[in-house]
């Protein structure tokens, strides 16, 4: 099979999606959608992630040094897409139906509808040209009790159906296209002002 040279890209290398939960400077929960997330080993399992540009989520992480990472599933995709495509400074961004809880170990908001929630404490923030690489310790993992069943890993993953993304396309656990960025959010209902 022949190869061709391209400009740098990560097409065909799908990454799992997470909603990062933070509190803003007024103590209100805010969630942003991210996929540049992986694991590190530094005497214990940790997390590394990268956030480019100037985002409210990154400002909150820099200030508070803690955040949650909530696994995005097929059921959560419309909300995740909305939270990822809506600017954090939009005062109406969080006016949607979300079941928000609190971390058990850290003061972070979590999404109760996500089957896996990481409570993360920042240990290092490495500034780069237009972003930051963030290294974290995992202080707690909350997961649905149903993931403690006797099912195989494959069965559990198929049931919770985590979503991945590449080439500005959302992909199901099985690899089926679930829409381009900005499409799934069209079904999200914004709460009207009273």
N, C-alpha and C. Protein backbone atom coordinates (compact mmCIF):
# COMPACT_ATOMS: atom_id res chain seq x y z
N UNK A 1 0.85 -1.17 0.00
CA UNK A 1 0.00 0.00 0.00
C UNK A 1 0.89 1.24 0.00
N UNK A 2 0.64 2.16 -0.91
CA UNK A 2 1.42 3.37 -1.00
C UNK A 2 1.01 4.38 0.06
N UNK A 3 1.87 5.33 0.32
CA UNK A 3 1.61 6.39 1.30
C UNK A 3 1.71 7.73 0.60
N UNK A 4 0.97 8.71 1.13
CA UNK A 4 1.07 10.08 0.64
C UNK A 4 1.38 10.99 1.83
N UNK A 5 2.09 12.06 1.60
CA UNK A 5 2.40 13.03 2.65
C UNK A 5 1.30 14.08 2.72
N UNK A 6 0.91 14.44 3.97
CA UNK A 6 -0.13 15.44 4.20
C UNK A 6 0.36 16.46 5.23
N UNK A 7 -0.35 17.57 5.32
CA UNK A 7 -0.11 18.51 6.41
C UNK A 7 -0.52 17.82 7.71
N UNK A 8 0.05 18.22 8.86
CA UNK A 8 -0.31 17.58 10.13
C UNK A 8 -1.82 17.57 10.38
N UNK A 9 -2.34 16.40 10.75
CA UNK A 9 -3.74 16.25 11.12
C UNK A 9 -3.87 14.99 11.97
N UNK A 10 -5.01 14.81 12.58
CA UNK A 10 -5.26 13.58 13.36
C UNK A 10 -6.49 12.83 12.83
N UNK A 11 -6.78 13.02 11.55
CA UNK A 11 -7.89 12.27 10.94
C UNK A 11 -7.60 10.77 11.08
N UNK A 12 -8.65 10.01 11.27
CA UNK A 12 -8.59 8.54 11.37
C UNK A 12 -7.90 8.08 12.64
N UNK A 13 -7.81 8.97 13.61
CA UNK A 13 -7.29 8.63 14.94
C UNK A 13 -8.32 9.13 15.96
N UNK A 14 -9.50 8.47 16.03
CA UNK A 14 -10.57 8.99 16.88
C UNK A 14 -10.18 9.03 18.35
N UNK A 15 -10.72 10.03 19.04
CA UNK A 15 -10.46 10.20 20.46
C UNK A 15 -11.79 10.24 21.21
N UNK A 16 -11.79 9.72 22.42
CA UNK A 16 -12.97 9.69 23.26
C UNK A 16 -13.29 11.10 23.76
N UNK A 17 -14.57 11.41 23.87
CA UNK A 17 -15.03 12.72 24.31
C UNK A 17 -15.31 12.76 25.81
N UNK A 18 -14.98 13.90 26.40
CA UNK A 18 -15.27 14.16 27.81
C UNK A 18 -15.81 15.57 27.96
N UNK A 19 -16.76 15.73 28.87
CA UNK A 19 -17.22 17.05 29.28
C UNK A 19 -16.47 17.41 30.56
N UNK A 20 -15.69 18.49 30.50
CA UNK A 20 -14.95 18.95 31.67
C UNK A 20 -15.86 19.84 32.50
N UNK A 21 -16.00 19.50 33.77
CA UNK A 21 -16.84 20.27 34.68
C UNK A 21 -16.01 21.14 35.58
N UNK A 22 -16.36 22.43 35.62
CA UNK A 22 -15.67 23.40 36.47
C UNK A 22 -16.70 24.30 37.13
N UNK A 23 -16.24 25.05 38.12
CA UNK A 23 -17.06 26.13 38.67
C UNK A 23 -16.47 27.44 38.21
N UNK A 24 -17.34 28.37 37.78
CA UNK A 24 -16.84 29.68 37.37
C UNK A 24 -16.55 30.51 38.61
N UNK A 25 -16.12 31.74 38.42
CA UNK A 25 -15.71 32.57 39.56
C UNK A 25 -16.87 32.91 40.49
N UNK A 26 -18.11 32.72 40.03
CA UNK A 26 -19.29 32.95 40.88
C UNK A 26 -19.78 31.67 41.54
N UNK A 27 -19.10 30.55 41.30
CA UNK A 27 -19.50 29.27 41.88
C UNK A 27 -20.55 28.52 41.09
N UNK A 28 -20.85 28.98 39.88
CA UNK A 28 -21.83 28.30 39.03
C UNK A 28 -21.14 27.23 38.20
N UNK A 29 -21.78 26.05 38.02
CA UNK A 29 -21.16 25.00 37.22
C UNK A 29 -21.12 25.37 35.74
N UNK A 30 -20.06 24.93 35.09
CA UNK A 30 -19.89 25.13 33.65
C UNK A 30 -19.25 23.86 33.10
N UNK A 31 -19.68 23.47 31.91
CA UNK A 31 -19.12 22.28 31.26
C UNK A 31 -18.69 22.63 29.85
N UNK A 32 -17.54 22.11 29.44
CA UNK A 32 -17.03 22.27 28.09
C UNK A 32 -16.66 20.91 27.53
N UNK A 33 -16.71 20.77 26.22
CA UNK A 33 -16.45 19.50 25.54
C UNK A 33 -15.02 19.44 25.03
N UNK A 34 -14.32 18.34 25.35
CA UNK A 34 -12.92 18.19 24.95
C UNK A 34 -12.62 16.74 24.60
N UNK A 35 -11.60 16.54 23.75
CA UNK A 35 -11.20 15.18 23.37
C UNK A 35 -9.70 14.95 23.48
N UNK A 36 -8.90 15.97 23.67
CA UNK A 36 -7.45 15.75 23.78
C UNK A 36 -7.15 15.36 25.22
N UNK A 37 -7.38 14.10 25.50
CA UNK A 37 -7.37 13.54 26.85
C UNK A 37 -6.74 12.17 26.78
N UNK A 38 -5.79 11.89 27.66
CA UNK A 38 -5.19 10.56 27.72
C UNK A 38 -4.65 10.33 29.12
N UNK A 39 -3.93 9.26 29.30
CA UNK A 39 -3.48 8.84 30.62
C UNK A 39 -1.96 8.87 30.70
N UNK A 40 -1.46 9.09 31.92
CA UNK A 40 -0.03 9.10 32.18
C UNK A 40 0.24 8.22 33.39
N UNK A 41 1.49 7.87 33.56
CA UNK A 41 1.92 7.16 34.76
C UNK A 41 3.03 7.97 35.41
N UNK A 42 2.83 8.34 36.67
CA UNK A 42 3.84 9.07 37.44
C UNK A 42 3.78 8.55 38.87
N UNK A 43 4.11 7.27 39.04
CA UNK A 43 3.98 6.61 40.32
C UNK A 43 2.56 6.15 40.58
N UNK A 44 1.63 6.66 39.83
CA UNK A 44 0.22 6.29 39.87
C UNK A 44 -0.42 6.77 38.57
N UNK A 45 -1.59 6.23 38.26
CA UNK A 45 -2.26 6.65 37.03
C UNK A 45 -2.72 8.09 37.17
N UNK A 46 -2.49 8.84 36.13
CA UNK A 46 -2.94 10.23 36.07
C UNK A 46 -3.52 10.51 34.71
N UNK A 47 -3.82 11.78 34.47
CA UNK A 47 -4.43 12.21 33.23
C UNK A 47 -3.62 13.37 32.66
N UNK A 48 -3.54 13.39 31.32
CA UNK A 48 -3.00 14.57 30.64
C UNK A 48 -4.04 15.01 29.64
N UNK A 49 -4.17 16.32 29.52
CA UNK A 49 -5.10 16.86 28.54
C UNK A 49 -4.52 18.16 28.00
N UNK A 50 -5.04 18.58 26.89
CA UNK A 50 -4.60 19.83 26.28
C UNK A 50 -5.83 20.65 25.93
N UNK A 51 -5.73 21.94 26.21
CA UNK A 51 -6.80 22.86 25.86
C UNK A 51 -6.16 24.03 25.12
N UNK A 52 -6.59 24.22 23.89
CA UNK A 52 -6.08 25.33 23.09
C UNK A 52 -6.96 26.55 23.22
N UNK A 53 -6.39 27.70 22.91
CA UNK A 53 -7.16 28.94 22.90
C UNK A 53 -7.56 29.41 24.27
N UNK A 54 -8.33 30.48 24.29
CA UNK A 54 -8.79 31.08 25.54
C UNK A 54 -10.24 30.66 25.75
N UNK A 55 -10.46 29.79 26.71
CA UNK A 55 -11.80 29.26 26.98
C UNK A 55 -12.13 29.44 28.46
N UNK A 56 -13.41 29.62 28.77
CA UNK A 56 -13.83 29.74 30.16
C UNK A 56 -13.42 28.51 30.95
N UNK A 57 -13.56 27.34 30.37
CA UNK A 57 -13.18 26.10 31.06
C UNK A 57 -11.72 26.16 31.49
N UNK A 58 -10.84 26.59 30.59
CA UNK A 58 -9.41 26.66 30.92
C UNK A 58 -9.17 27.72 32.00
N UNK A 59 -9.85 28.85 31.92
CA UNK A 59 -9.70 29.88 32.96
C UNK A 59 -10.11 29.33 34.32
N UNK A 60 -11.22 28.58 34.35
CA UNK A 60 -11.70 28.00 35.61
C UNK A 60 -10.71 26.97 36.15
N UNK A 61 -10.15 26.14 35.26
CA UNK A 61 -9.16 25.14 35.69
C UNK A 61 -7.92 25.82 36.25
N UNK A 62 -7.43 26.86 35.58
CA UNK A 62 -6.26 27.58 36.06
C UNK A 62 -6.51 28.17 37.45
N UNK A 63 -7.70 28.72 37.67
CA UNK A 63 -8.02 29.36 38.94
C UNK A 63 -8.24 28.32 40.06
N UNK A 64 -9.01 27.28 39.77
CA UNK A 64 -9.42 26.34 40.82
C UNK A 64 -8.49 25.14 40.99
N UNK A 65 -7.72 24.81 39.95
CA UNK A 65 -6.77 23.67 39.97
C UNK A 65 -7.45 22.31 40.13
N UNK A 66 -8.76 22.25 39.90
CA UNK A 66 -9.51 20.99 39.92
C UNK A 66 -10.59 21.05 38.85
N UNK A 67 -10.98 19.88 38.35
CA UNK A 67 -12.11 19.78 37.42
C UNK A 67 -12.53 18.33 37.32
N UNK A 68 -13.68 18.11 36.72
CA UNK A 68 -14.14 16.74 36.46
C UNK A 68 -14.04 16.47 34.97
N UNK A 69 -13.88 15.21 34.62
CA UNK A 69 -13.95 14.77 33.23
C UNK A 69 -15.04 13.71 33.18
N UNK A 70 -16.10 13.99 32.45
CA UNK A 70 -17.31 13.16 32.40
C UNK A 70 -17.41 12.50 31.04
N UNK A 71 -17.39 11.18 31.01
CA UNK A 71 -17.43 10.44 29.75
C UNK A 71 -18.71 10.75 28.98
N UNK A 72 -18.55 11.06 27.70
CA UNK A 72 -19.70 11.35 26.84
C UNK A 72 -20.16 10.05 26.17
N UNK A 73 -21.45 9.78 26.29
CA UNK A 73 -22.07 8.61 25.69
C UNK A 73 -22.98 9.05 24.55
N UNK A 74 -23.47 8.09 23.79
CA UNK A 74 -24.39 8.41 22.70
C UNK A 74 -25.61 9.17 23.23
N UNK A 75 -26.12 8.77 24.40
CA UNK A 75 -27.28 9.45 24.97
C UNK A 75 -26.97 10.91 25.33
N UNK A 76 -25.74 11.19 25.71
CA UNK A 76 -25.33 12.54 26.11
C UNK A 76 -24.86 13.41 24.94
N UNK A 77 -24.70 12.83 23.76
CA UNK A 77 -24.07 13.56 22.66
C UNK A 77 -24.76 14.88 22.31
N UNK A 78 -26.09 14.98 22.18
CA UNK A 78 -26.66 16.28 21.83
C UNK A 78 -26.28 17.38 22.84
N UNK A 79 -26.34 17.05 24.13
CA UNK A 79 -25.98 18.02 25.17
C UNK A 79 -24.49 18.34 25.09
N UNK A 80 -23.66 17.31 24.91
CA UNK A 80 -22.21 17.51 24.82
C UNK A 80 -21.86 18.40 23.64
N UNK A 81 -22.49 18.16 22.50
CA UNK A 81 -22.24 18.97 21.31
C UNK A 81 -22.65 20.42 21.57
N UNK A 82 -23.80 20.61 22.20
CA UNK A 82 -24.25 21.95 22.54
C UNK A 82 -23.24 22.65 23.46
N UNK A 83 -22.81 21.95 24.51
CA UNK A 83 -21.87 22.54 25.46
C UNK A 83 -20.51 22.82 24.81
N UNK A 84 -20.15 22.03 23.81
CA UNK A 84 -18.89 22.23 23.11
C UNK A 84 -18.95 23.33 22.07
N UNK A 85 -20.13 23.57 21.52
CA UNK A 85 -20.27 24.58 20.45
C UNK A 85 -20.74 25.93 20.96
N UNK A 86 -21.13 26.00 22.24
CA UNK A 86 -21.64 27.25 22.80
C UNK A 86 -20.54 27.90 23.64
N UNK A 87 -20.27 29.16 23.37
CA UNK A 87 -19.22 29.89 24.07
C UNK A 87 -19.51 29.96 25.56
N UNK A 88 -18.49 29.74 26.38
CA UNK A 88 -18.65 29.77 27.83
C UNK A 88 -19.09 31.11 28.38
N UNK A 89 -18.84 32.20 27.64
CA UNK A 89 -19.25 33.52 28.11
C UNK A 89 -20.72 33.84 27.78
N UNK A 90 -21.38 32.94 27.04
CA UNK A 90 -22.80 33.13 26.74
C UNK A 90 -23.59 32.93 28.04
N UNK A 91 -24.30 33.96 28.53
CA UNK A 91 -25.01 33.83 29.81
C UNK A 91 -26.11 32.77 29.81
N UNK A 92 -26.56 32.36 28.62
CA UNK A 92 -27.62 31.35 28.54
C UNK A 92 -27.08 29.93 28.32
N UNK A 93 -25.76 29.78 28.25
CA UNK A 93 -25.17 28.47 27.91
C UNK A 93 -25.69 27.35 28.81
N UNK A 94 -25.73 27.57 30.10
CA UNK A 94 -26.07 26.50 31.03
C UNK A 94 -27.58 26.40 31.30
N UNK A 95 -28.39 27.09 30.52
CA UNK A 95 -29.84 27.05 30.70
C UNK A 95 -30.45 25.89 29.91
N UNK A 96 -29.98 24.71 30.20
CA UNK A 96 -30.48 23.47 29.60
C UNK A 96 -30.69 22.47 30.74
N UNK A 97 -31.43 21.41 30.46
CA UNK A 97 -31.66 20.40 31.48
C UNK A 97 -30.43 19.53 31.66
N UNK A 98 -29.80 19.67 32.81
CA UNK A 98 -28.64 18.85 33.18
C UNK A 98 -28.84 18.34 34.59
N UNK A 99 -28.49 17.09 34.82
CA UNK A 99 -28.52 16.51 36.16
C UNK A 99 -27.11 16.65 36.72
N UNK A 100 -26.86 17.75 37.43
CA UNK A 100 -25.52 18.07 37.93
C UNK A 100 -25.41 17.65 39.39
N UNK A 101 -24.34 16.90 39.68
CA UNK A 101 -24.03 16.51 41.05
C UNK A 101 -22.71 17.11 41.46
N UNK A 102 -22.20 16.62 42.59
CA UNK A 102 -20.91 17.10 43.10
C UNK A 102 -19.97 15.92 43.23
N UNK A 103 -18.68 16.20 43.06
CA UNK A 103 -17.68 15.17 43.27
C UNK A 103 -17.72 14.68 44.72
N UNK A 104 -17.22 13.48 44.92
CA UNK A 104 -17.17 12.90 46.27
C UNK A 104 -15.92 13.34 47.02
N UNK A 105 -14.84 13.61 46.30
CA UNK A 105 -13.55 13.94 46.93
C UNK A 105 -13.16 15.40 46.69
N UNK A 106 -13.38 15.89 45.47
CA UNK A 106 -13.02 17.26 45.12
C UNK A 106 -14.27 18.10 44.91
N UNK A 107 -14.11 19.41 45.06
CA UNK A 107 -15.21 20.34 44.84
C UNK A 107 -15.32 20.63 43.36
N UNK A 108 -15.94 19.68 42.64
CA UNK A 108 -16.12 19.78 41.19
C UNK A 108 -17.54 19.36 40.85
N UNK A 109 -18.13 19.99 39.82
CA UNK A 109 -19.44 19.53 39.37
C UNK A 109 -19.27 18.30 38.48
N UNK A 110 -20.19 17.36 38.60
CA UNK A 110 -20.18 16.18 37.74
C UNK A 110 -21.54 16.06 37.06
N UNK A 111 -21.56 15.34 35.95
CA UNK A 111 -22.82 15.03 35.28
C UNK A 111 -23.27 13.65 35.75
N UNK A 112 -24.38 13.60 36.46
CA UNK A 112 -24.88 12.33 36.97
C UNK A 112 -25.27 11.38 35.85
N UNK A 113 -25.60 11.91 34.67
CA UNK A 113 -26.00 11.05 33.55
C UNK A 113 -24.81 10.44 32.81
N UNK A 114 -23.60 10.82 33.16
CA UNK A 114 -22.41 10.20 32.58
C UNK A 114 -22.05 8.97 33.40
N UNK A 115 -21.74 7.83 32.76
CA UNK A 115 -21.46 6.62 33.52
C UNK A 115 -20.10 6.61 34.22
N UNK A 116 -19.19 7.49 33.81
CA UNK A 116 -17.86 7.55 34.42
C UNK A 116 -17.46 9.01 34.59
N UNK A 117 -17.09 9.38 35.82
CA UNK A 117 -16.68 10.75 36.13
C UNK A 117 -15.33 10.69 36.85
N UNK A 118 -14.36 11.39 36.30
CA UNK A 118 -13.05 11.52 36.95
C UNK A 118 -13.04 12.83 37.74
N UNK A 119 -12.54 12.78 38.97
CA UNK A 119 -12.28 14.00 39.75
C UNK A 119 -10.78 14.23 39.67
N UNK A 120 -10.38 15.36 39.05
CA UNK A 120 -8.99 15.59 38.71
C UNK A 120 -8.42 16.81 39.42
N UNK A 121 -7.18 16.64 39.92
CA UNK A 121 -6.46 17.74 40.54
C UNK A 121 -5.25 18.06 39.67
N UNK A 122 -5.11 19.31 39.27
CA UNK A 122 -4.02 19.73 38.41
C UNK A 122 -2.70 19.72 39.20
N UNK A 123 -1.68 19.08 38.63
CA UNK A 123 -0.35 19.09 39.24
C UNK A 123 0.61 19.97 38.45
N UNK A 124 0.43 20.04 37.13
CA UNK A 124 1.29 20.85 36.27
C UNK A 124 0.46 21.42 35.14
N UNK A 125 0.72 22.66 34.81
CA UNK A 125 0.10 23.31 33.66
C UNK A 125 1.25 23.86 32.83
N UNK A 126 1.42 23.28 31.66
CA UNK A 126 2.55 23.63 30.81
C UNK A 126 2.05 24.52 29.68
N UNK A 127 2.40 25.83 29.73
CA UNK A 127 1.94 26.71 28.66
C UNK A 127 2.67 26.44 27.35
N UNK A 128 1.92 26.45 26.28
CA UNK A 128 2.47 26.30 24.94
C UNK A 128 2.08 27.55 24.15
N UNK A 129 2.37 27.57 22.87
CA UNK A 129 2.14 28.76 22.04
C UNK A 129 0.68 29.23 22.09
N UNK A 130 -0.28 28.34 21.86
CA UNK A 130 -1.69 28.73 21.85
C UNK A 130 -2.54 27.77 22.67
N UNK A 131 -1.99 27.27 23.74
CA UNK A 131 -2.73 26.34 24.57
C UNK A 131 -1.93 25.91 25.77
N UNK A 132 -2.48 24.99 26.50
CA UNK A 132 -1.83 24.47 27.70
C UNK A 132 -1.97 22.96 27.73
N UNK A 133 -0.91 22.30 28.19
CA UNK A 133 -0.95 20.87 28.49
C UNK A 133 -1.12 20.78 30.00
N UNK A 134 -2.11 20.02 30.42
CA UNK A 134 -2.46 19.95 31.83
C UNK A 134 -2.25 18.52 32.32
N UNK A 135 -1.43 18.36 33.35
CA UNK A 135 -1.20 17.06 33.97
C UNK A 135 -1.97 17.02 35.28
N UNK A 136 -2.63 15.90 35.54
CA UNK A 136 -3.52 15.81 36.69
C UNK A 136 -3.36 14.48 37.42
N UNK A 137 -3.62 14.52 38.71
CA UNK A 137 -3.79 13.31 39.50
C UNK A 137 -5.28 12.98 39.54
N UNK A 138 -5.58 11.70 39.42
CA UNK A 138 -6.97 11.25 39.54
C UNK A 138 -7.23 11.06 41.03
N UNK A 139 -8.06 11.92 41.59
CA UNK A 139 -8.34 11.85 43.04
C UNK A 139 -9.52 10.93 43.34
N UNK A 140 -10.37 10.69 42.34
CA UNK A 140 -11.49 9.79 42.54
C UNK A 140 -12.11 9.48 41.18
N UNK A 141 -12.68 8.28 41.06
CA UNK A 141 -13.45 7.91 39.88
C UNK A 141 -14.83 7.49 40.38
N UNK A 142 -15.84 8.15 39.88
CA UNK A 142 -17.22 7.76 40.16
C UNK A 142 -17.72 7.01 38.93
N UNK A 143 -18.33 5.86 39.15
CA UNK A 143 -18.88 5.13 38.00
C UNK A 143 -20.20 4.51 38.39
N UNK A 144 -21.06 4.35 37.39
CA UNK A 144 -22.35 3.73 37.62
C UNK A 144 -22.17 2.33 38.21
N UNK A 145 -23.01 2.01 39.18
CA UNK A 145 -22.96 0.69 39.81
C UNK A 145 -23.09 -0.42 38.79
N UNK A 146 -23.84 -0.18 37.71
CA UNK A 146 -24.07 -1.22 36.71
C UNK A 146 -22.77 -1.67 36.04
N UNK A 147 -21.72 -0.86 36.11
CA UNK A 147 -20.44 -1.24 35.51
C UNK A 147 -19.68 -2.24 36.38
N UNK A 148 -20.23 -2.56 37.55
CA UNK A 148 -19.64 -3.59 38.41
C UNK A 148 -20.25 -4.96 38.14
N UNK A 149 -21.08 -5.08 37.11
CA UNK A 149 -21.75 -6.34 36.79
C UNK A 149 -20.74 -7.36 36.26
N UNK A 150 -21.21 -8.57 36.03
CA UNK A 150 -20.37 -9.65 35.52
C UNK A 150 -20.22 -9.64 34.00
N UNK A 151 -20.75 -8.63 33.35
CA UNK A 151 -20.61 -8.54 31.90
C UNK A 151 -19.13 -8.39 31.53
N UNK A 152 -18.82 -8.72 30.29
CA UNK A 152 -17.46 -8.50 29.80
C UNK A 152 -17.24 -7.01 29.56
N UNK A 153 -15.99 -6.60 29.45
CA UNK A 153 -15.67 -5.21 29.14
C UNK A 153 -16.35 -4.80 27.83
N UNK A 154 -16.31 -5.69 26.85
CA UNK A 154 -16.93 -5.39 25.56
C UNK A 154 -18.43 -5.13 25.72
N UNK A 155 -19.11 -5.95 26.53
CA UNK A 155 -20.54 -5.78 26.75
C UNK A 155 -20.83 -4.46 27.47
N UNK A 156 -20.02 -4.12 28.47
CA UNK A 156 -20.21 -2.87 29.20
C UNK A 156 -20.01 -1.67 28.28
N UNK A 157 -18.95 -1.70 27.49
CA UNK A 157 -18.69 -0.59 26.58
C UNK A 157 -19.80 -0.45 25.55
N UNK A 158 -20.30 -1.57 25.04
CA UNK A 158 -21.39 -1.53 24.07
C UNK A 158 -22.65 -0.94 24.71
N UNK A 159 -22.87 -1.24 25.97
CA UNK A 159 -24.06 -0.76 26.67
C UNK A 159 -23.97 0.74 26.98
N UNK A 160 -22.82 1.21 27.45
CA UNK A 160 -22.72 2.65 27.78
C UNK A 160 -22.43 3.49 26.54
N UNK A 161 -21.89 2.89 25.49
CA UNK A 161 -21.70 3.52 24.18
C UNK A 161 -20.98 4.86 24.21
N UNK A 162 -19.68 4.87 24.58
CA UNK A 162 -18.93 6.12 24.55
C UNK A 162 -18.79 6.64 23.12
N UNK A 163 -18.73 7.96 23.00
CA UNK A 163 -18.64 8.61 21.70
C UNK A 163 -17.20 9.07 21.47
N UNK A 164 -16.78 8.97 20.21
CA UNK A 164 -15.45 9.43 19.81
C UNK A 164 -15.62 10.47 18.71
N UNK A 165 -14.52 11.14 18.40
CA UNK A 165 -14.56 12.11 17.32
C UNK A 165 -13.25 12.12 16.55
N UNK A 166 -13.37 12.41 15.27
CA UNK A 166 -12.24 12.70 14.40
C UNK A 166 -12.78 13.36 13.15
N UNK A 167 -11.95 14.14 12.50
CA UNK A 167 -12.32 14.80 11.25
C UNK A 167 -13.64 15.57 11.38
N UNK A 168 -13.83 16.22 12.54
CA UNK A 168 -15.03 17.02 12.84
C UNK A 168 -16.31 16.21 12.71
N UNK A 169 -16.22 14.90 13.00
CA UNK A 169 -17.36 13.98 12.93
C UNK A 169 -17.44 13.19 14.23
N UNK A 170 -18.64 13.05 14.77
CA UNK A 170 -18.87 12.21 15.94
C UNK A 170 -19.09 10.78 15.47
N UNK A 171 -18.52 9.83 16.23
CA UNK A 171 -18.62 8.41 15.88
C UNK A 171 -19.16 7.63 17.07
N UNK A 172 -20.06 6.70 16.79
CA UNK A 172 -20.60 5.82 17.83
C UNK A 172 -19.52 4.84 18.26
N UNK A 173 -19.82 4.10 19.31
CA UNK A 173 -18.90 3.07 19.79
C UNK A 173 -18.55 2.08 18.68
N UNK A 174 -19.54 1.77 17.82
CA UNK A 174 -19.32 0.82 16.73
C UNK A 174 -18.66 1.47 15.51
N UNK A 175 -18.50 2.79 15.51
CA UNK A 175 -17.87 3.47 14.39
C UNK A 175 -18.82 4.12 13.41
N UNK A 176 -20.12 4.13 13.74
CA UNK A 176 -21.14 4.74 12.88
C UNK A 176 -21.09 6.26 13.04
N UNK A 177 -21.14 7.01 11.94
CA UNK A 177 -21.17 8.47 11.99
C UNK A 177 -22.44 8.94 12.68
N UNK A 178 -22.29 9.90 13.60
CA UNK A 178 -23.43 10.43 14.36
C UNK A 178 -23.63 11.92 14.11
N UNK A 179 -23.04 12.42 13.04
CA UNK A 179 -23.21 13.83 12.69
C UNK A 179 -21.91 14.60 12.81
N UNK A 180 -21.89 15.74 12.16
CA UNK A 180 -20.74 16.64 12.24
C UNK A 180 -20.88 17.51 13.48
N UNK A 181 -19.76 18.11 13.90
CA UNK A 181 -19.80 19.04 15.02
C UNK A 181 -20.86 20.09 14.75
N UNK A 182 -21.71 20.33 15.72
CA UNK A 182 -22.77 21.33 15.60
C UNK A 182 -24.11 20.77 15.17
N UNK A 183 -24.16 19.53 14.70
CA UNK A 183 -25.45 18.95 14.28
C UNK A 183 -26.26 18.36 15.44
N UNK A 184 -25.68 17.47 16.29
CA UNK A 184 -26.51 16.86 17.33
C UNK A 184 -27.16 17.87 18.29
N UNK A 185 -26.53 19.04 18.48
CA UNK A 185 -27.04 20.03 19.43
C UNK A 185 -28.38 20.62 19.01
N UNK A 186 -28.76 20.44 17.76
CA UNK A 186 -30.00 21.05 17.26
C UNK A 186 -31.24 20.53 18.00
N UNK A 187 -31.13 19.39 18.68
CA UNK A 187 -32.28 18.85 19.41
C UNK A 187 -32.32 19.30 20.87
N UNK A 188 -31.35 20.10 21.32
CA UNK A 188 -31.31 20.55 22.72
C UNK A 188 -32.27 21.71 22.92
N UNK A 189 -33.05 21.62 23.98
CA UNK A 189 -34.02 22.67 24.32
C UNK A 189 -33.39 23.63 25.33
N UNK A 190 -33.39 24.92 24.97
CA UNK A 190 -32.90 25.96 25.86
C UNK A 190 -34.07 26.41 26.74
N UNK A 191 -33.84 26.57 28.05
CA UNK A 191 -34.90 27.04 28.95
C UNK A 191 -35.18 28.50 28.67
N UNK A 192 -36.44 28.81 28.57
CA UNK A 192 -36.87 30.19 28.33
C UNK A 192 -36.74 31.01 29.61
N UNK A 193 -36.44 32.29 29.47
CA UNK A 193 -36.36 33.19 30.63
C UNK A 193 -37.75 33.36 31.22
N UNK A 194 -37.81 33.37 32.56
CA UNK A 194 -39.10 33.50 33.25
C UNK A 194 -39.55 34.95 33.33
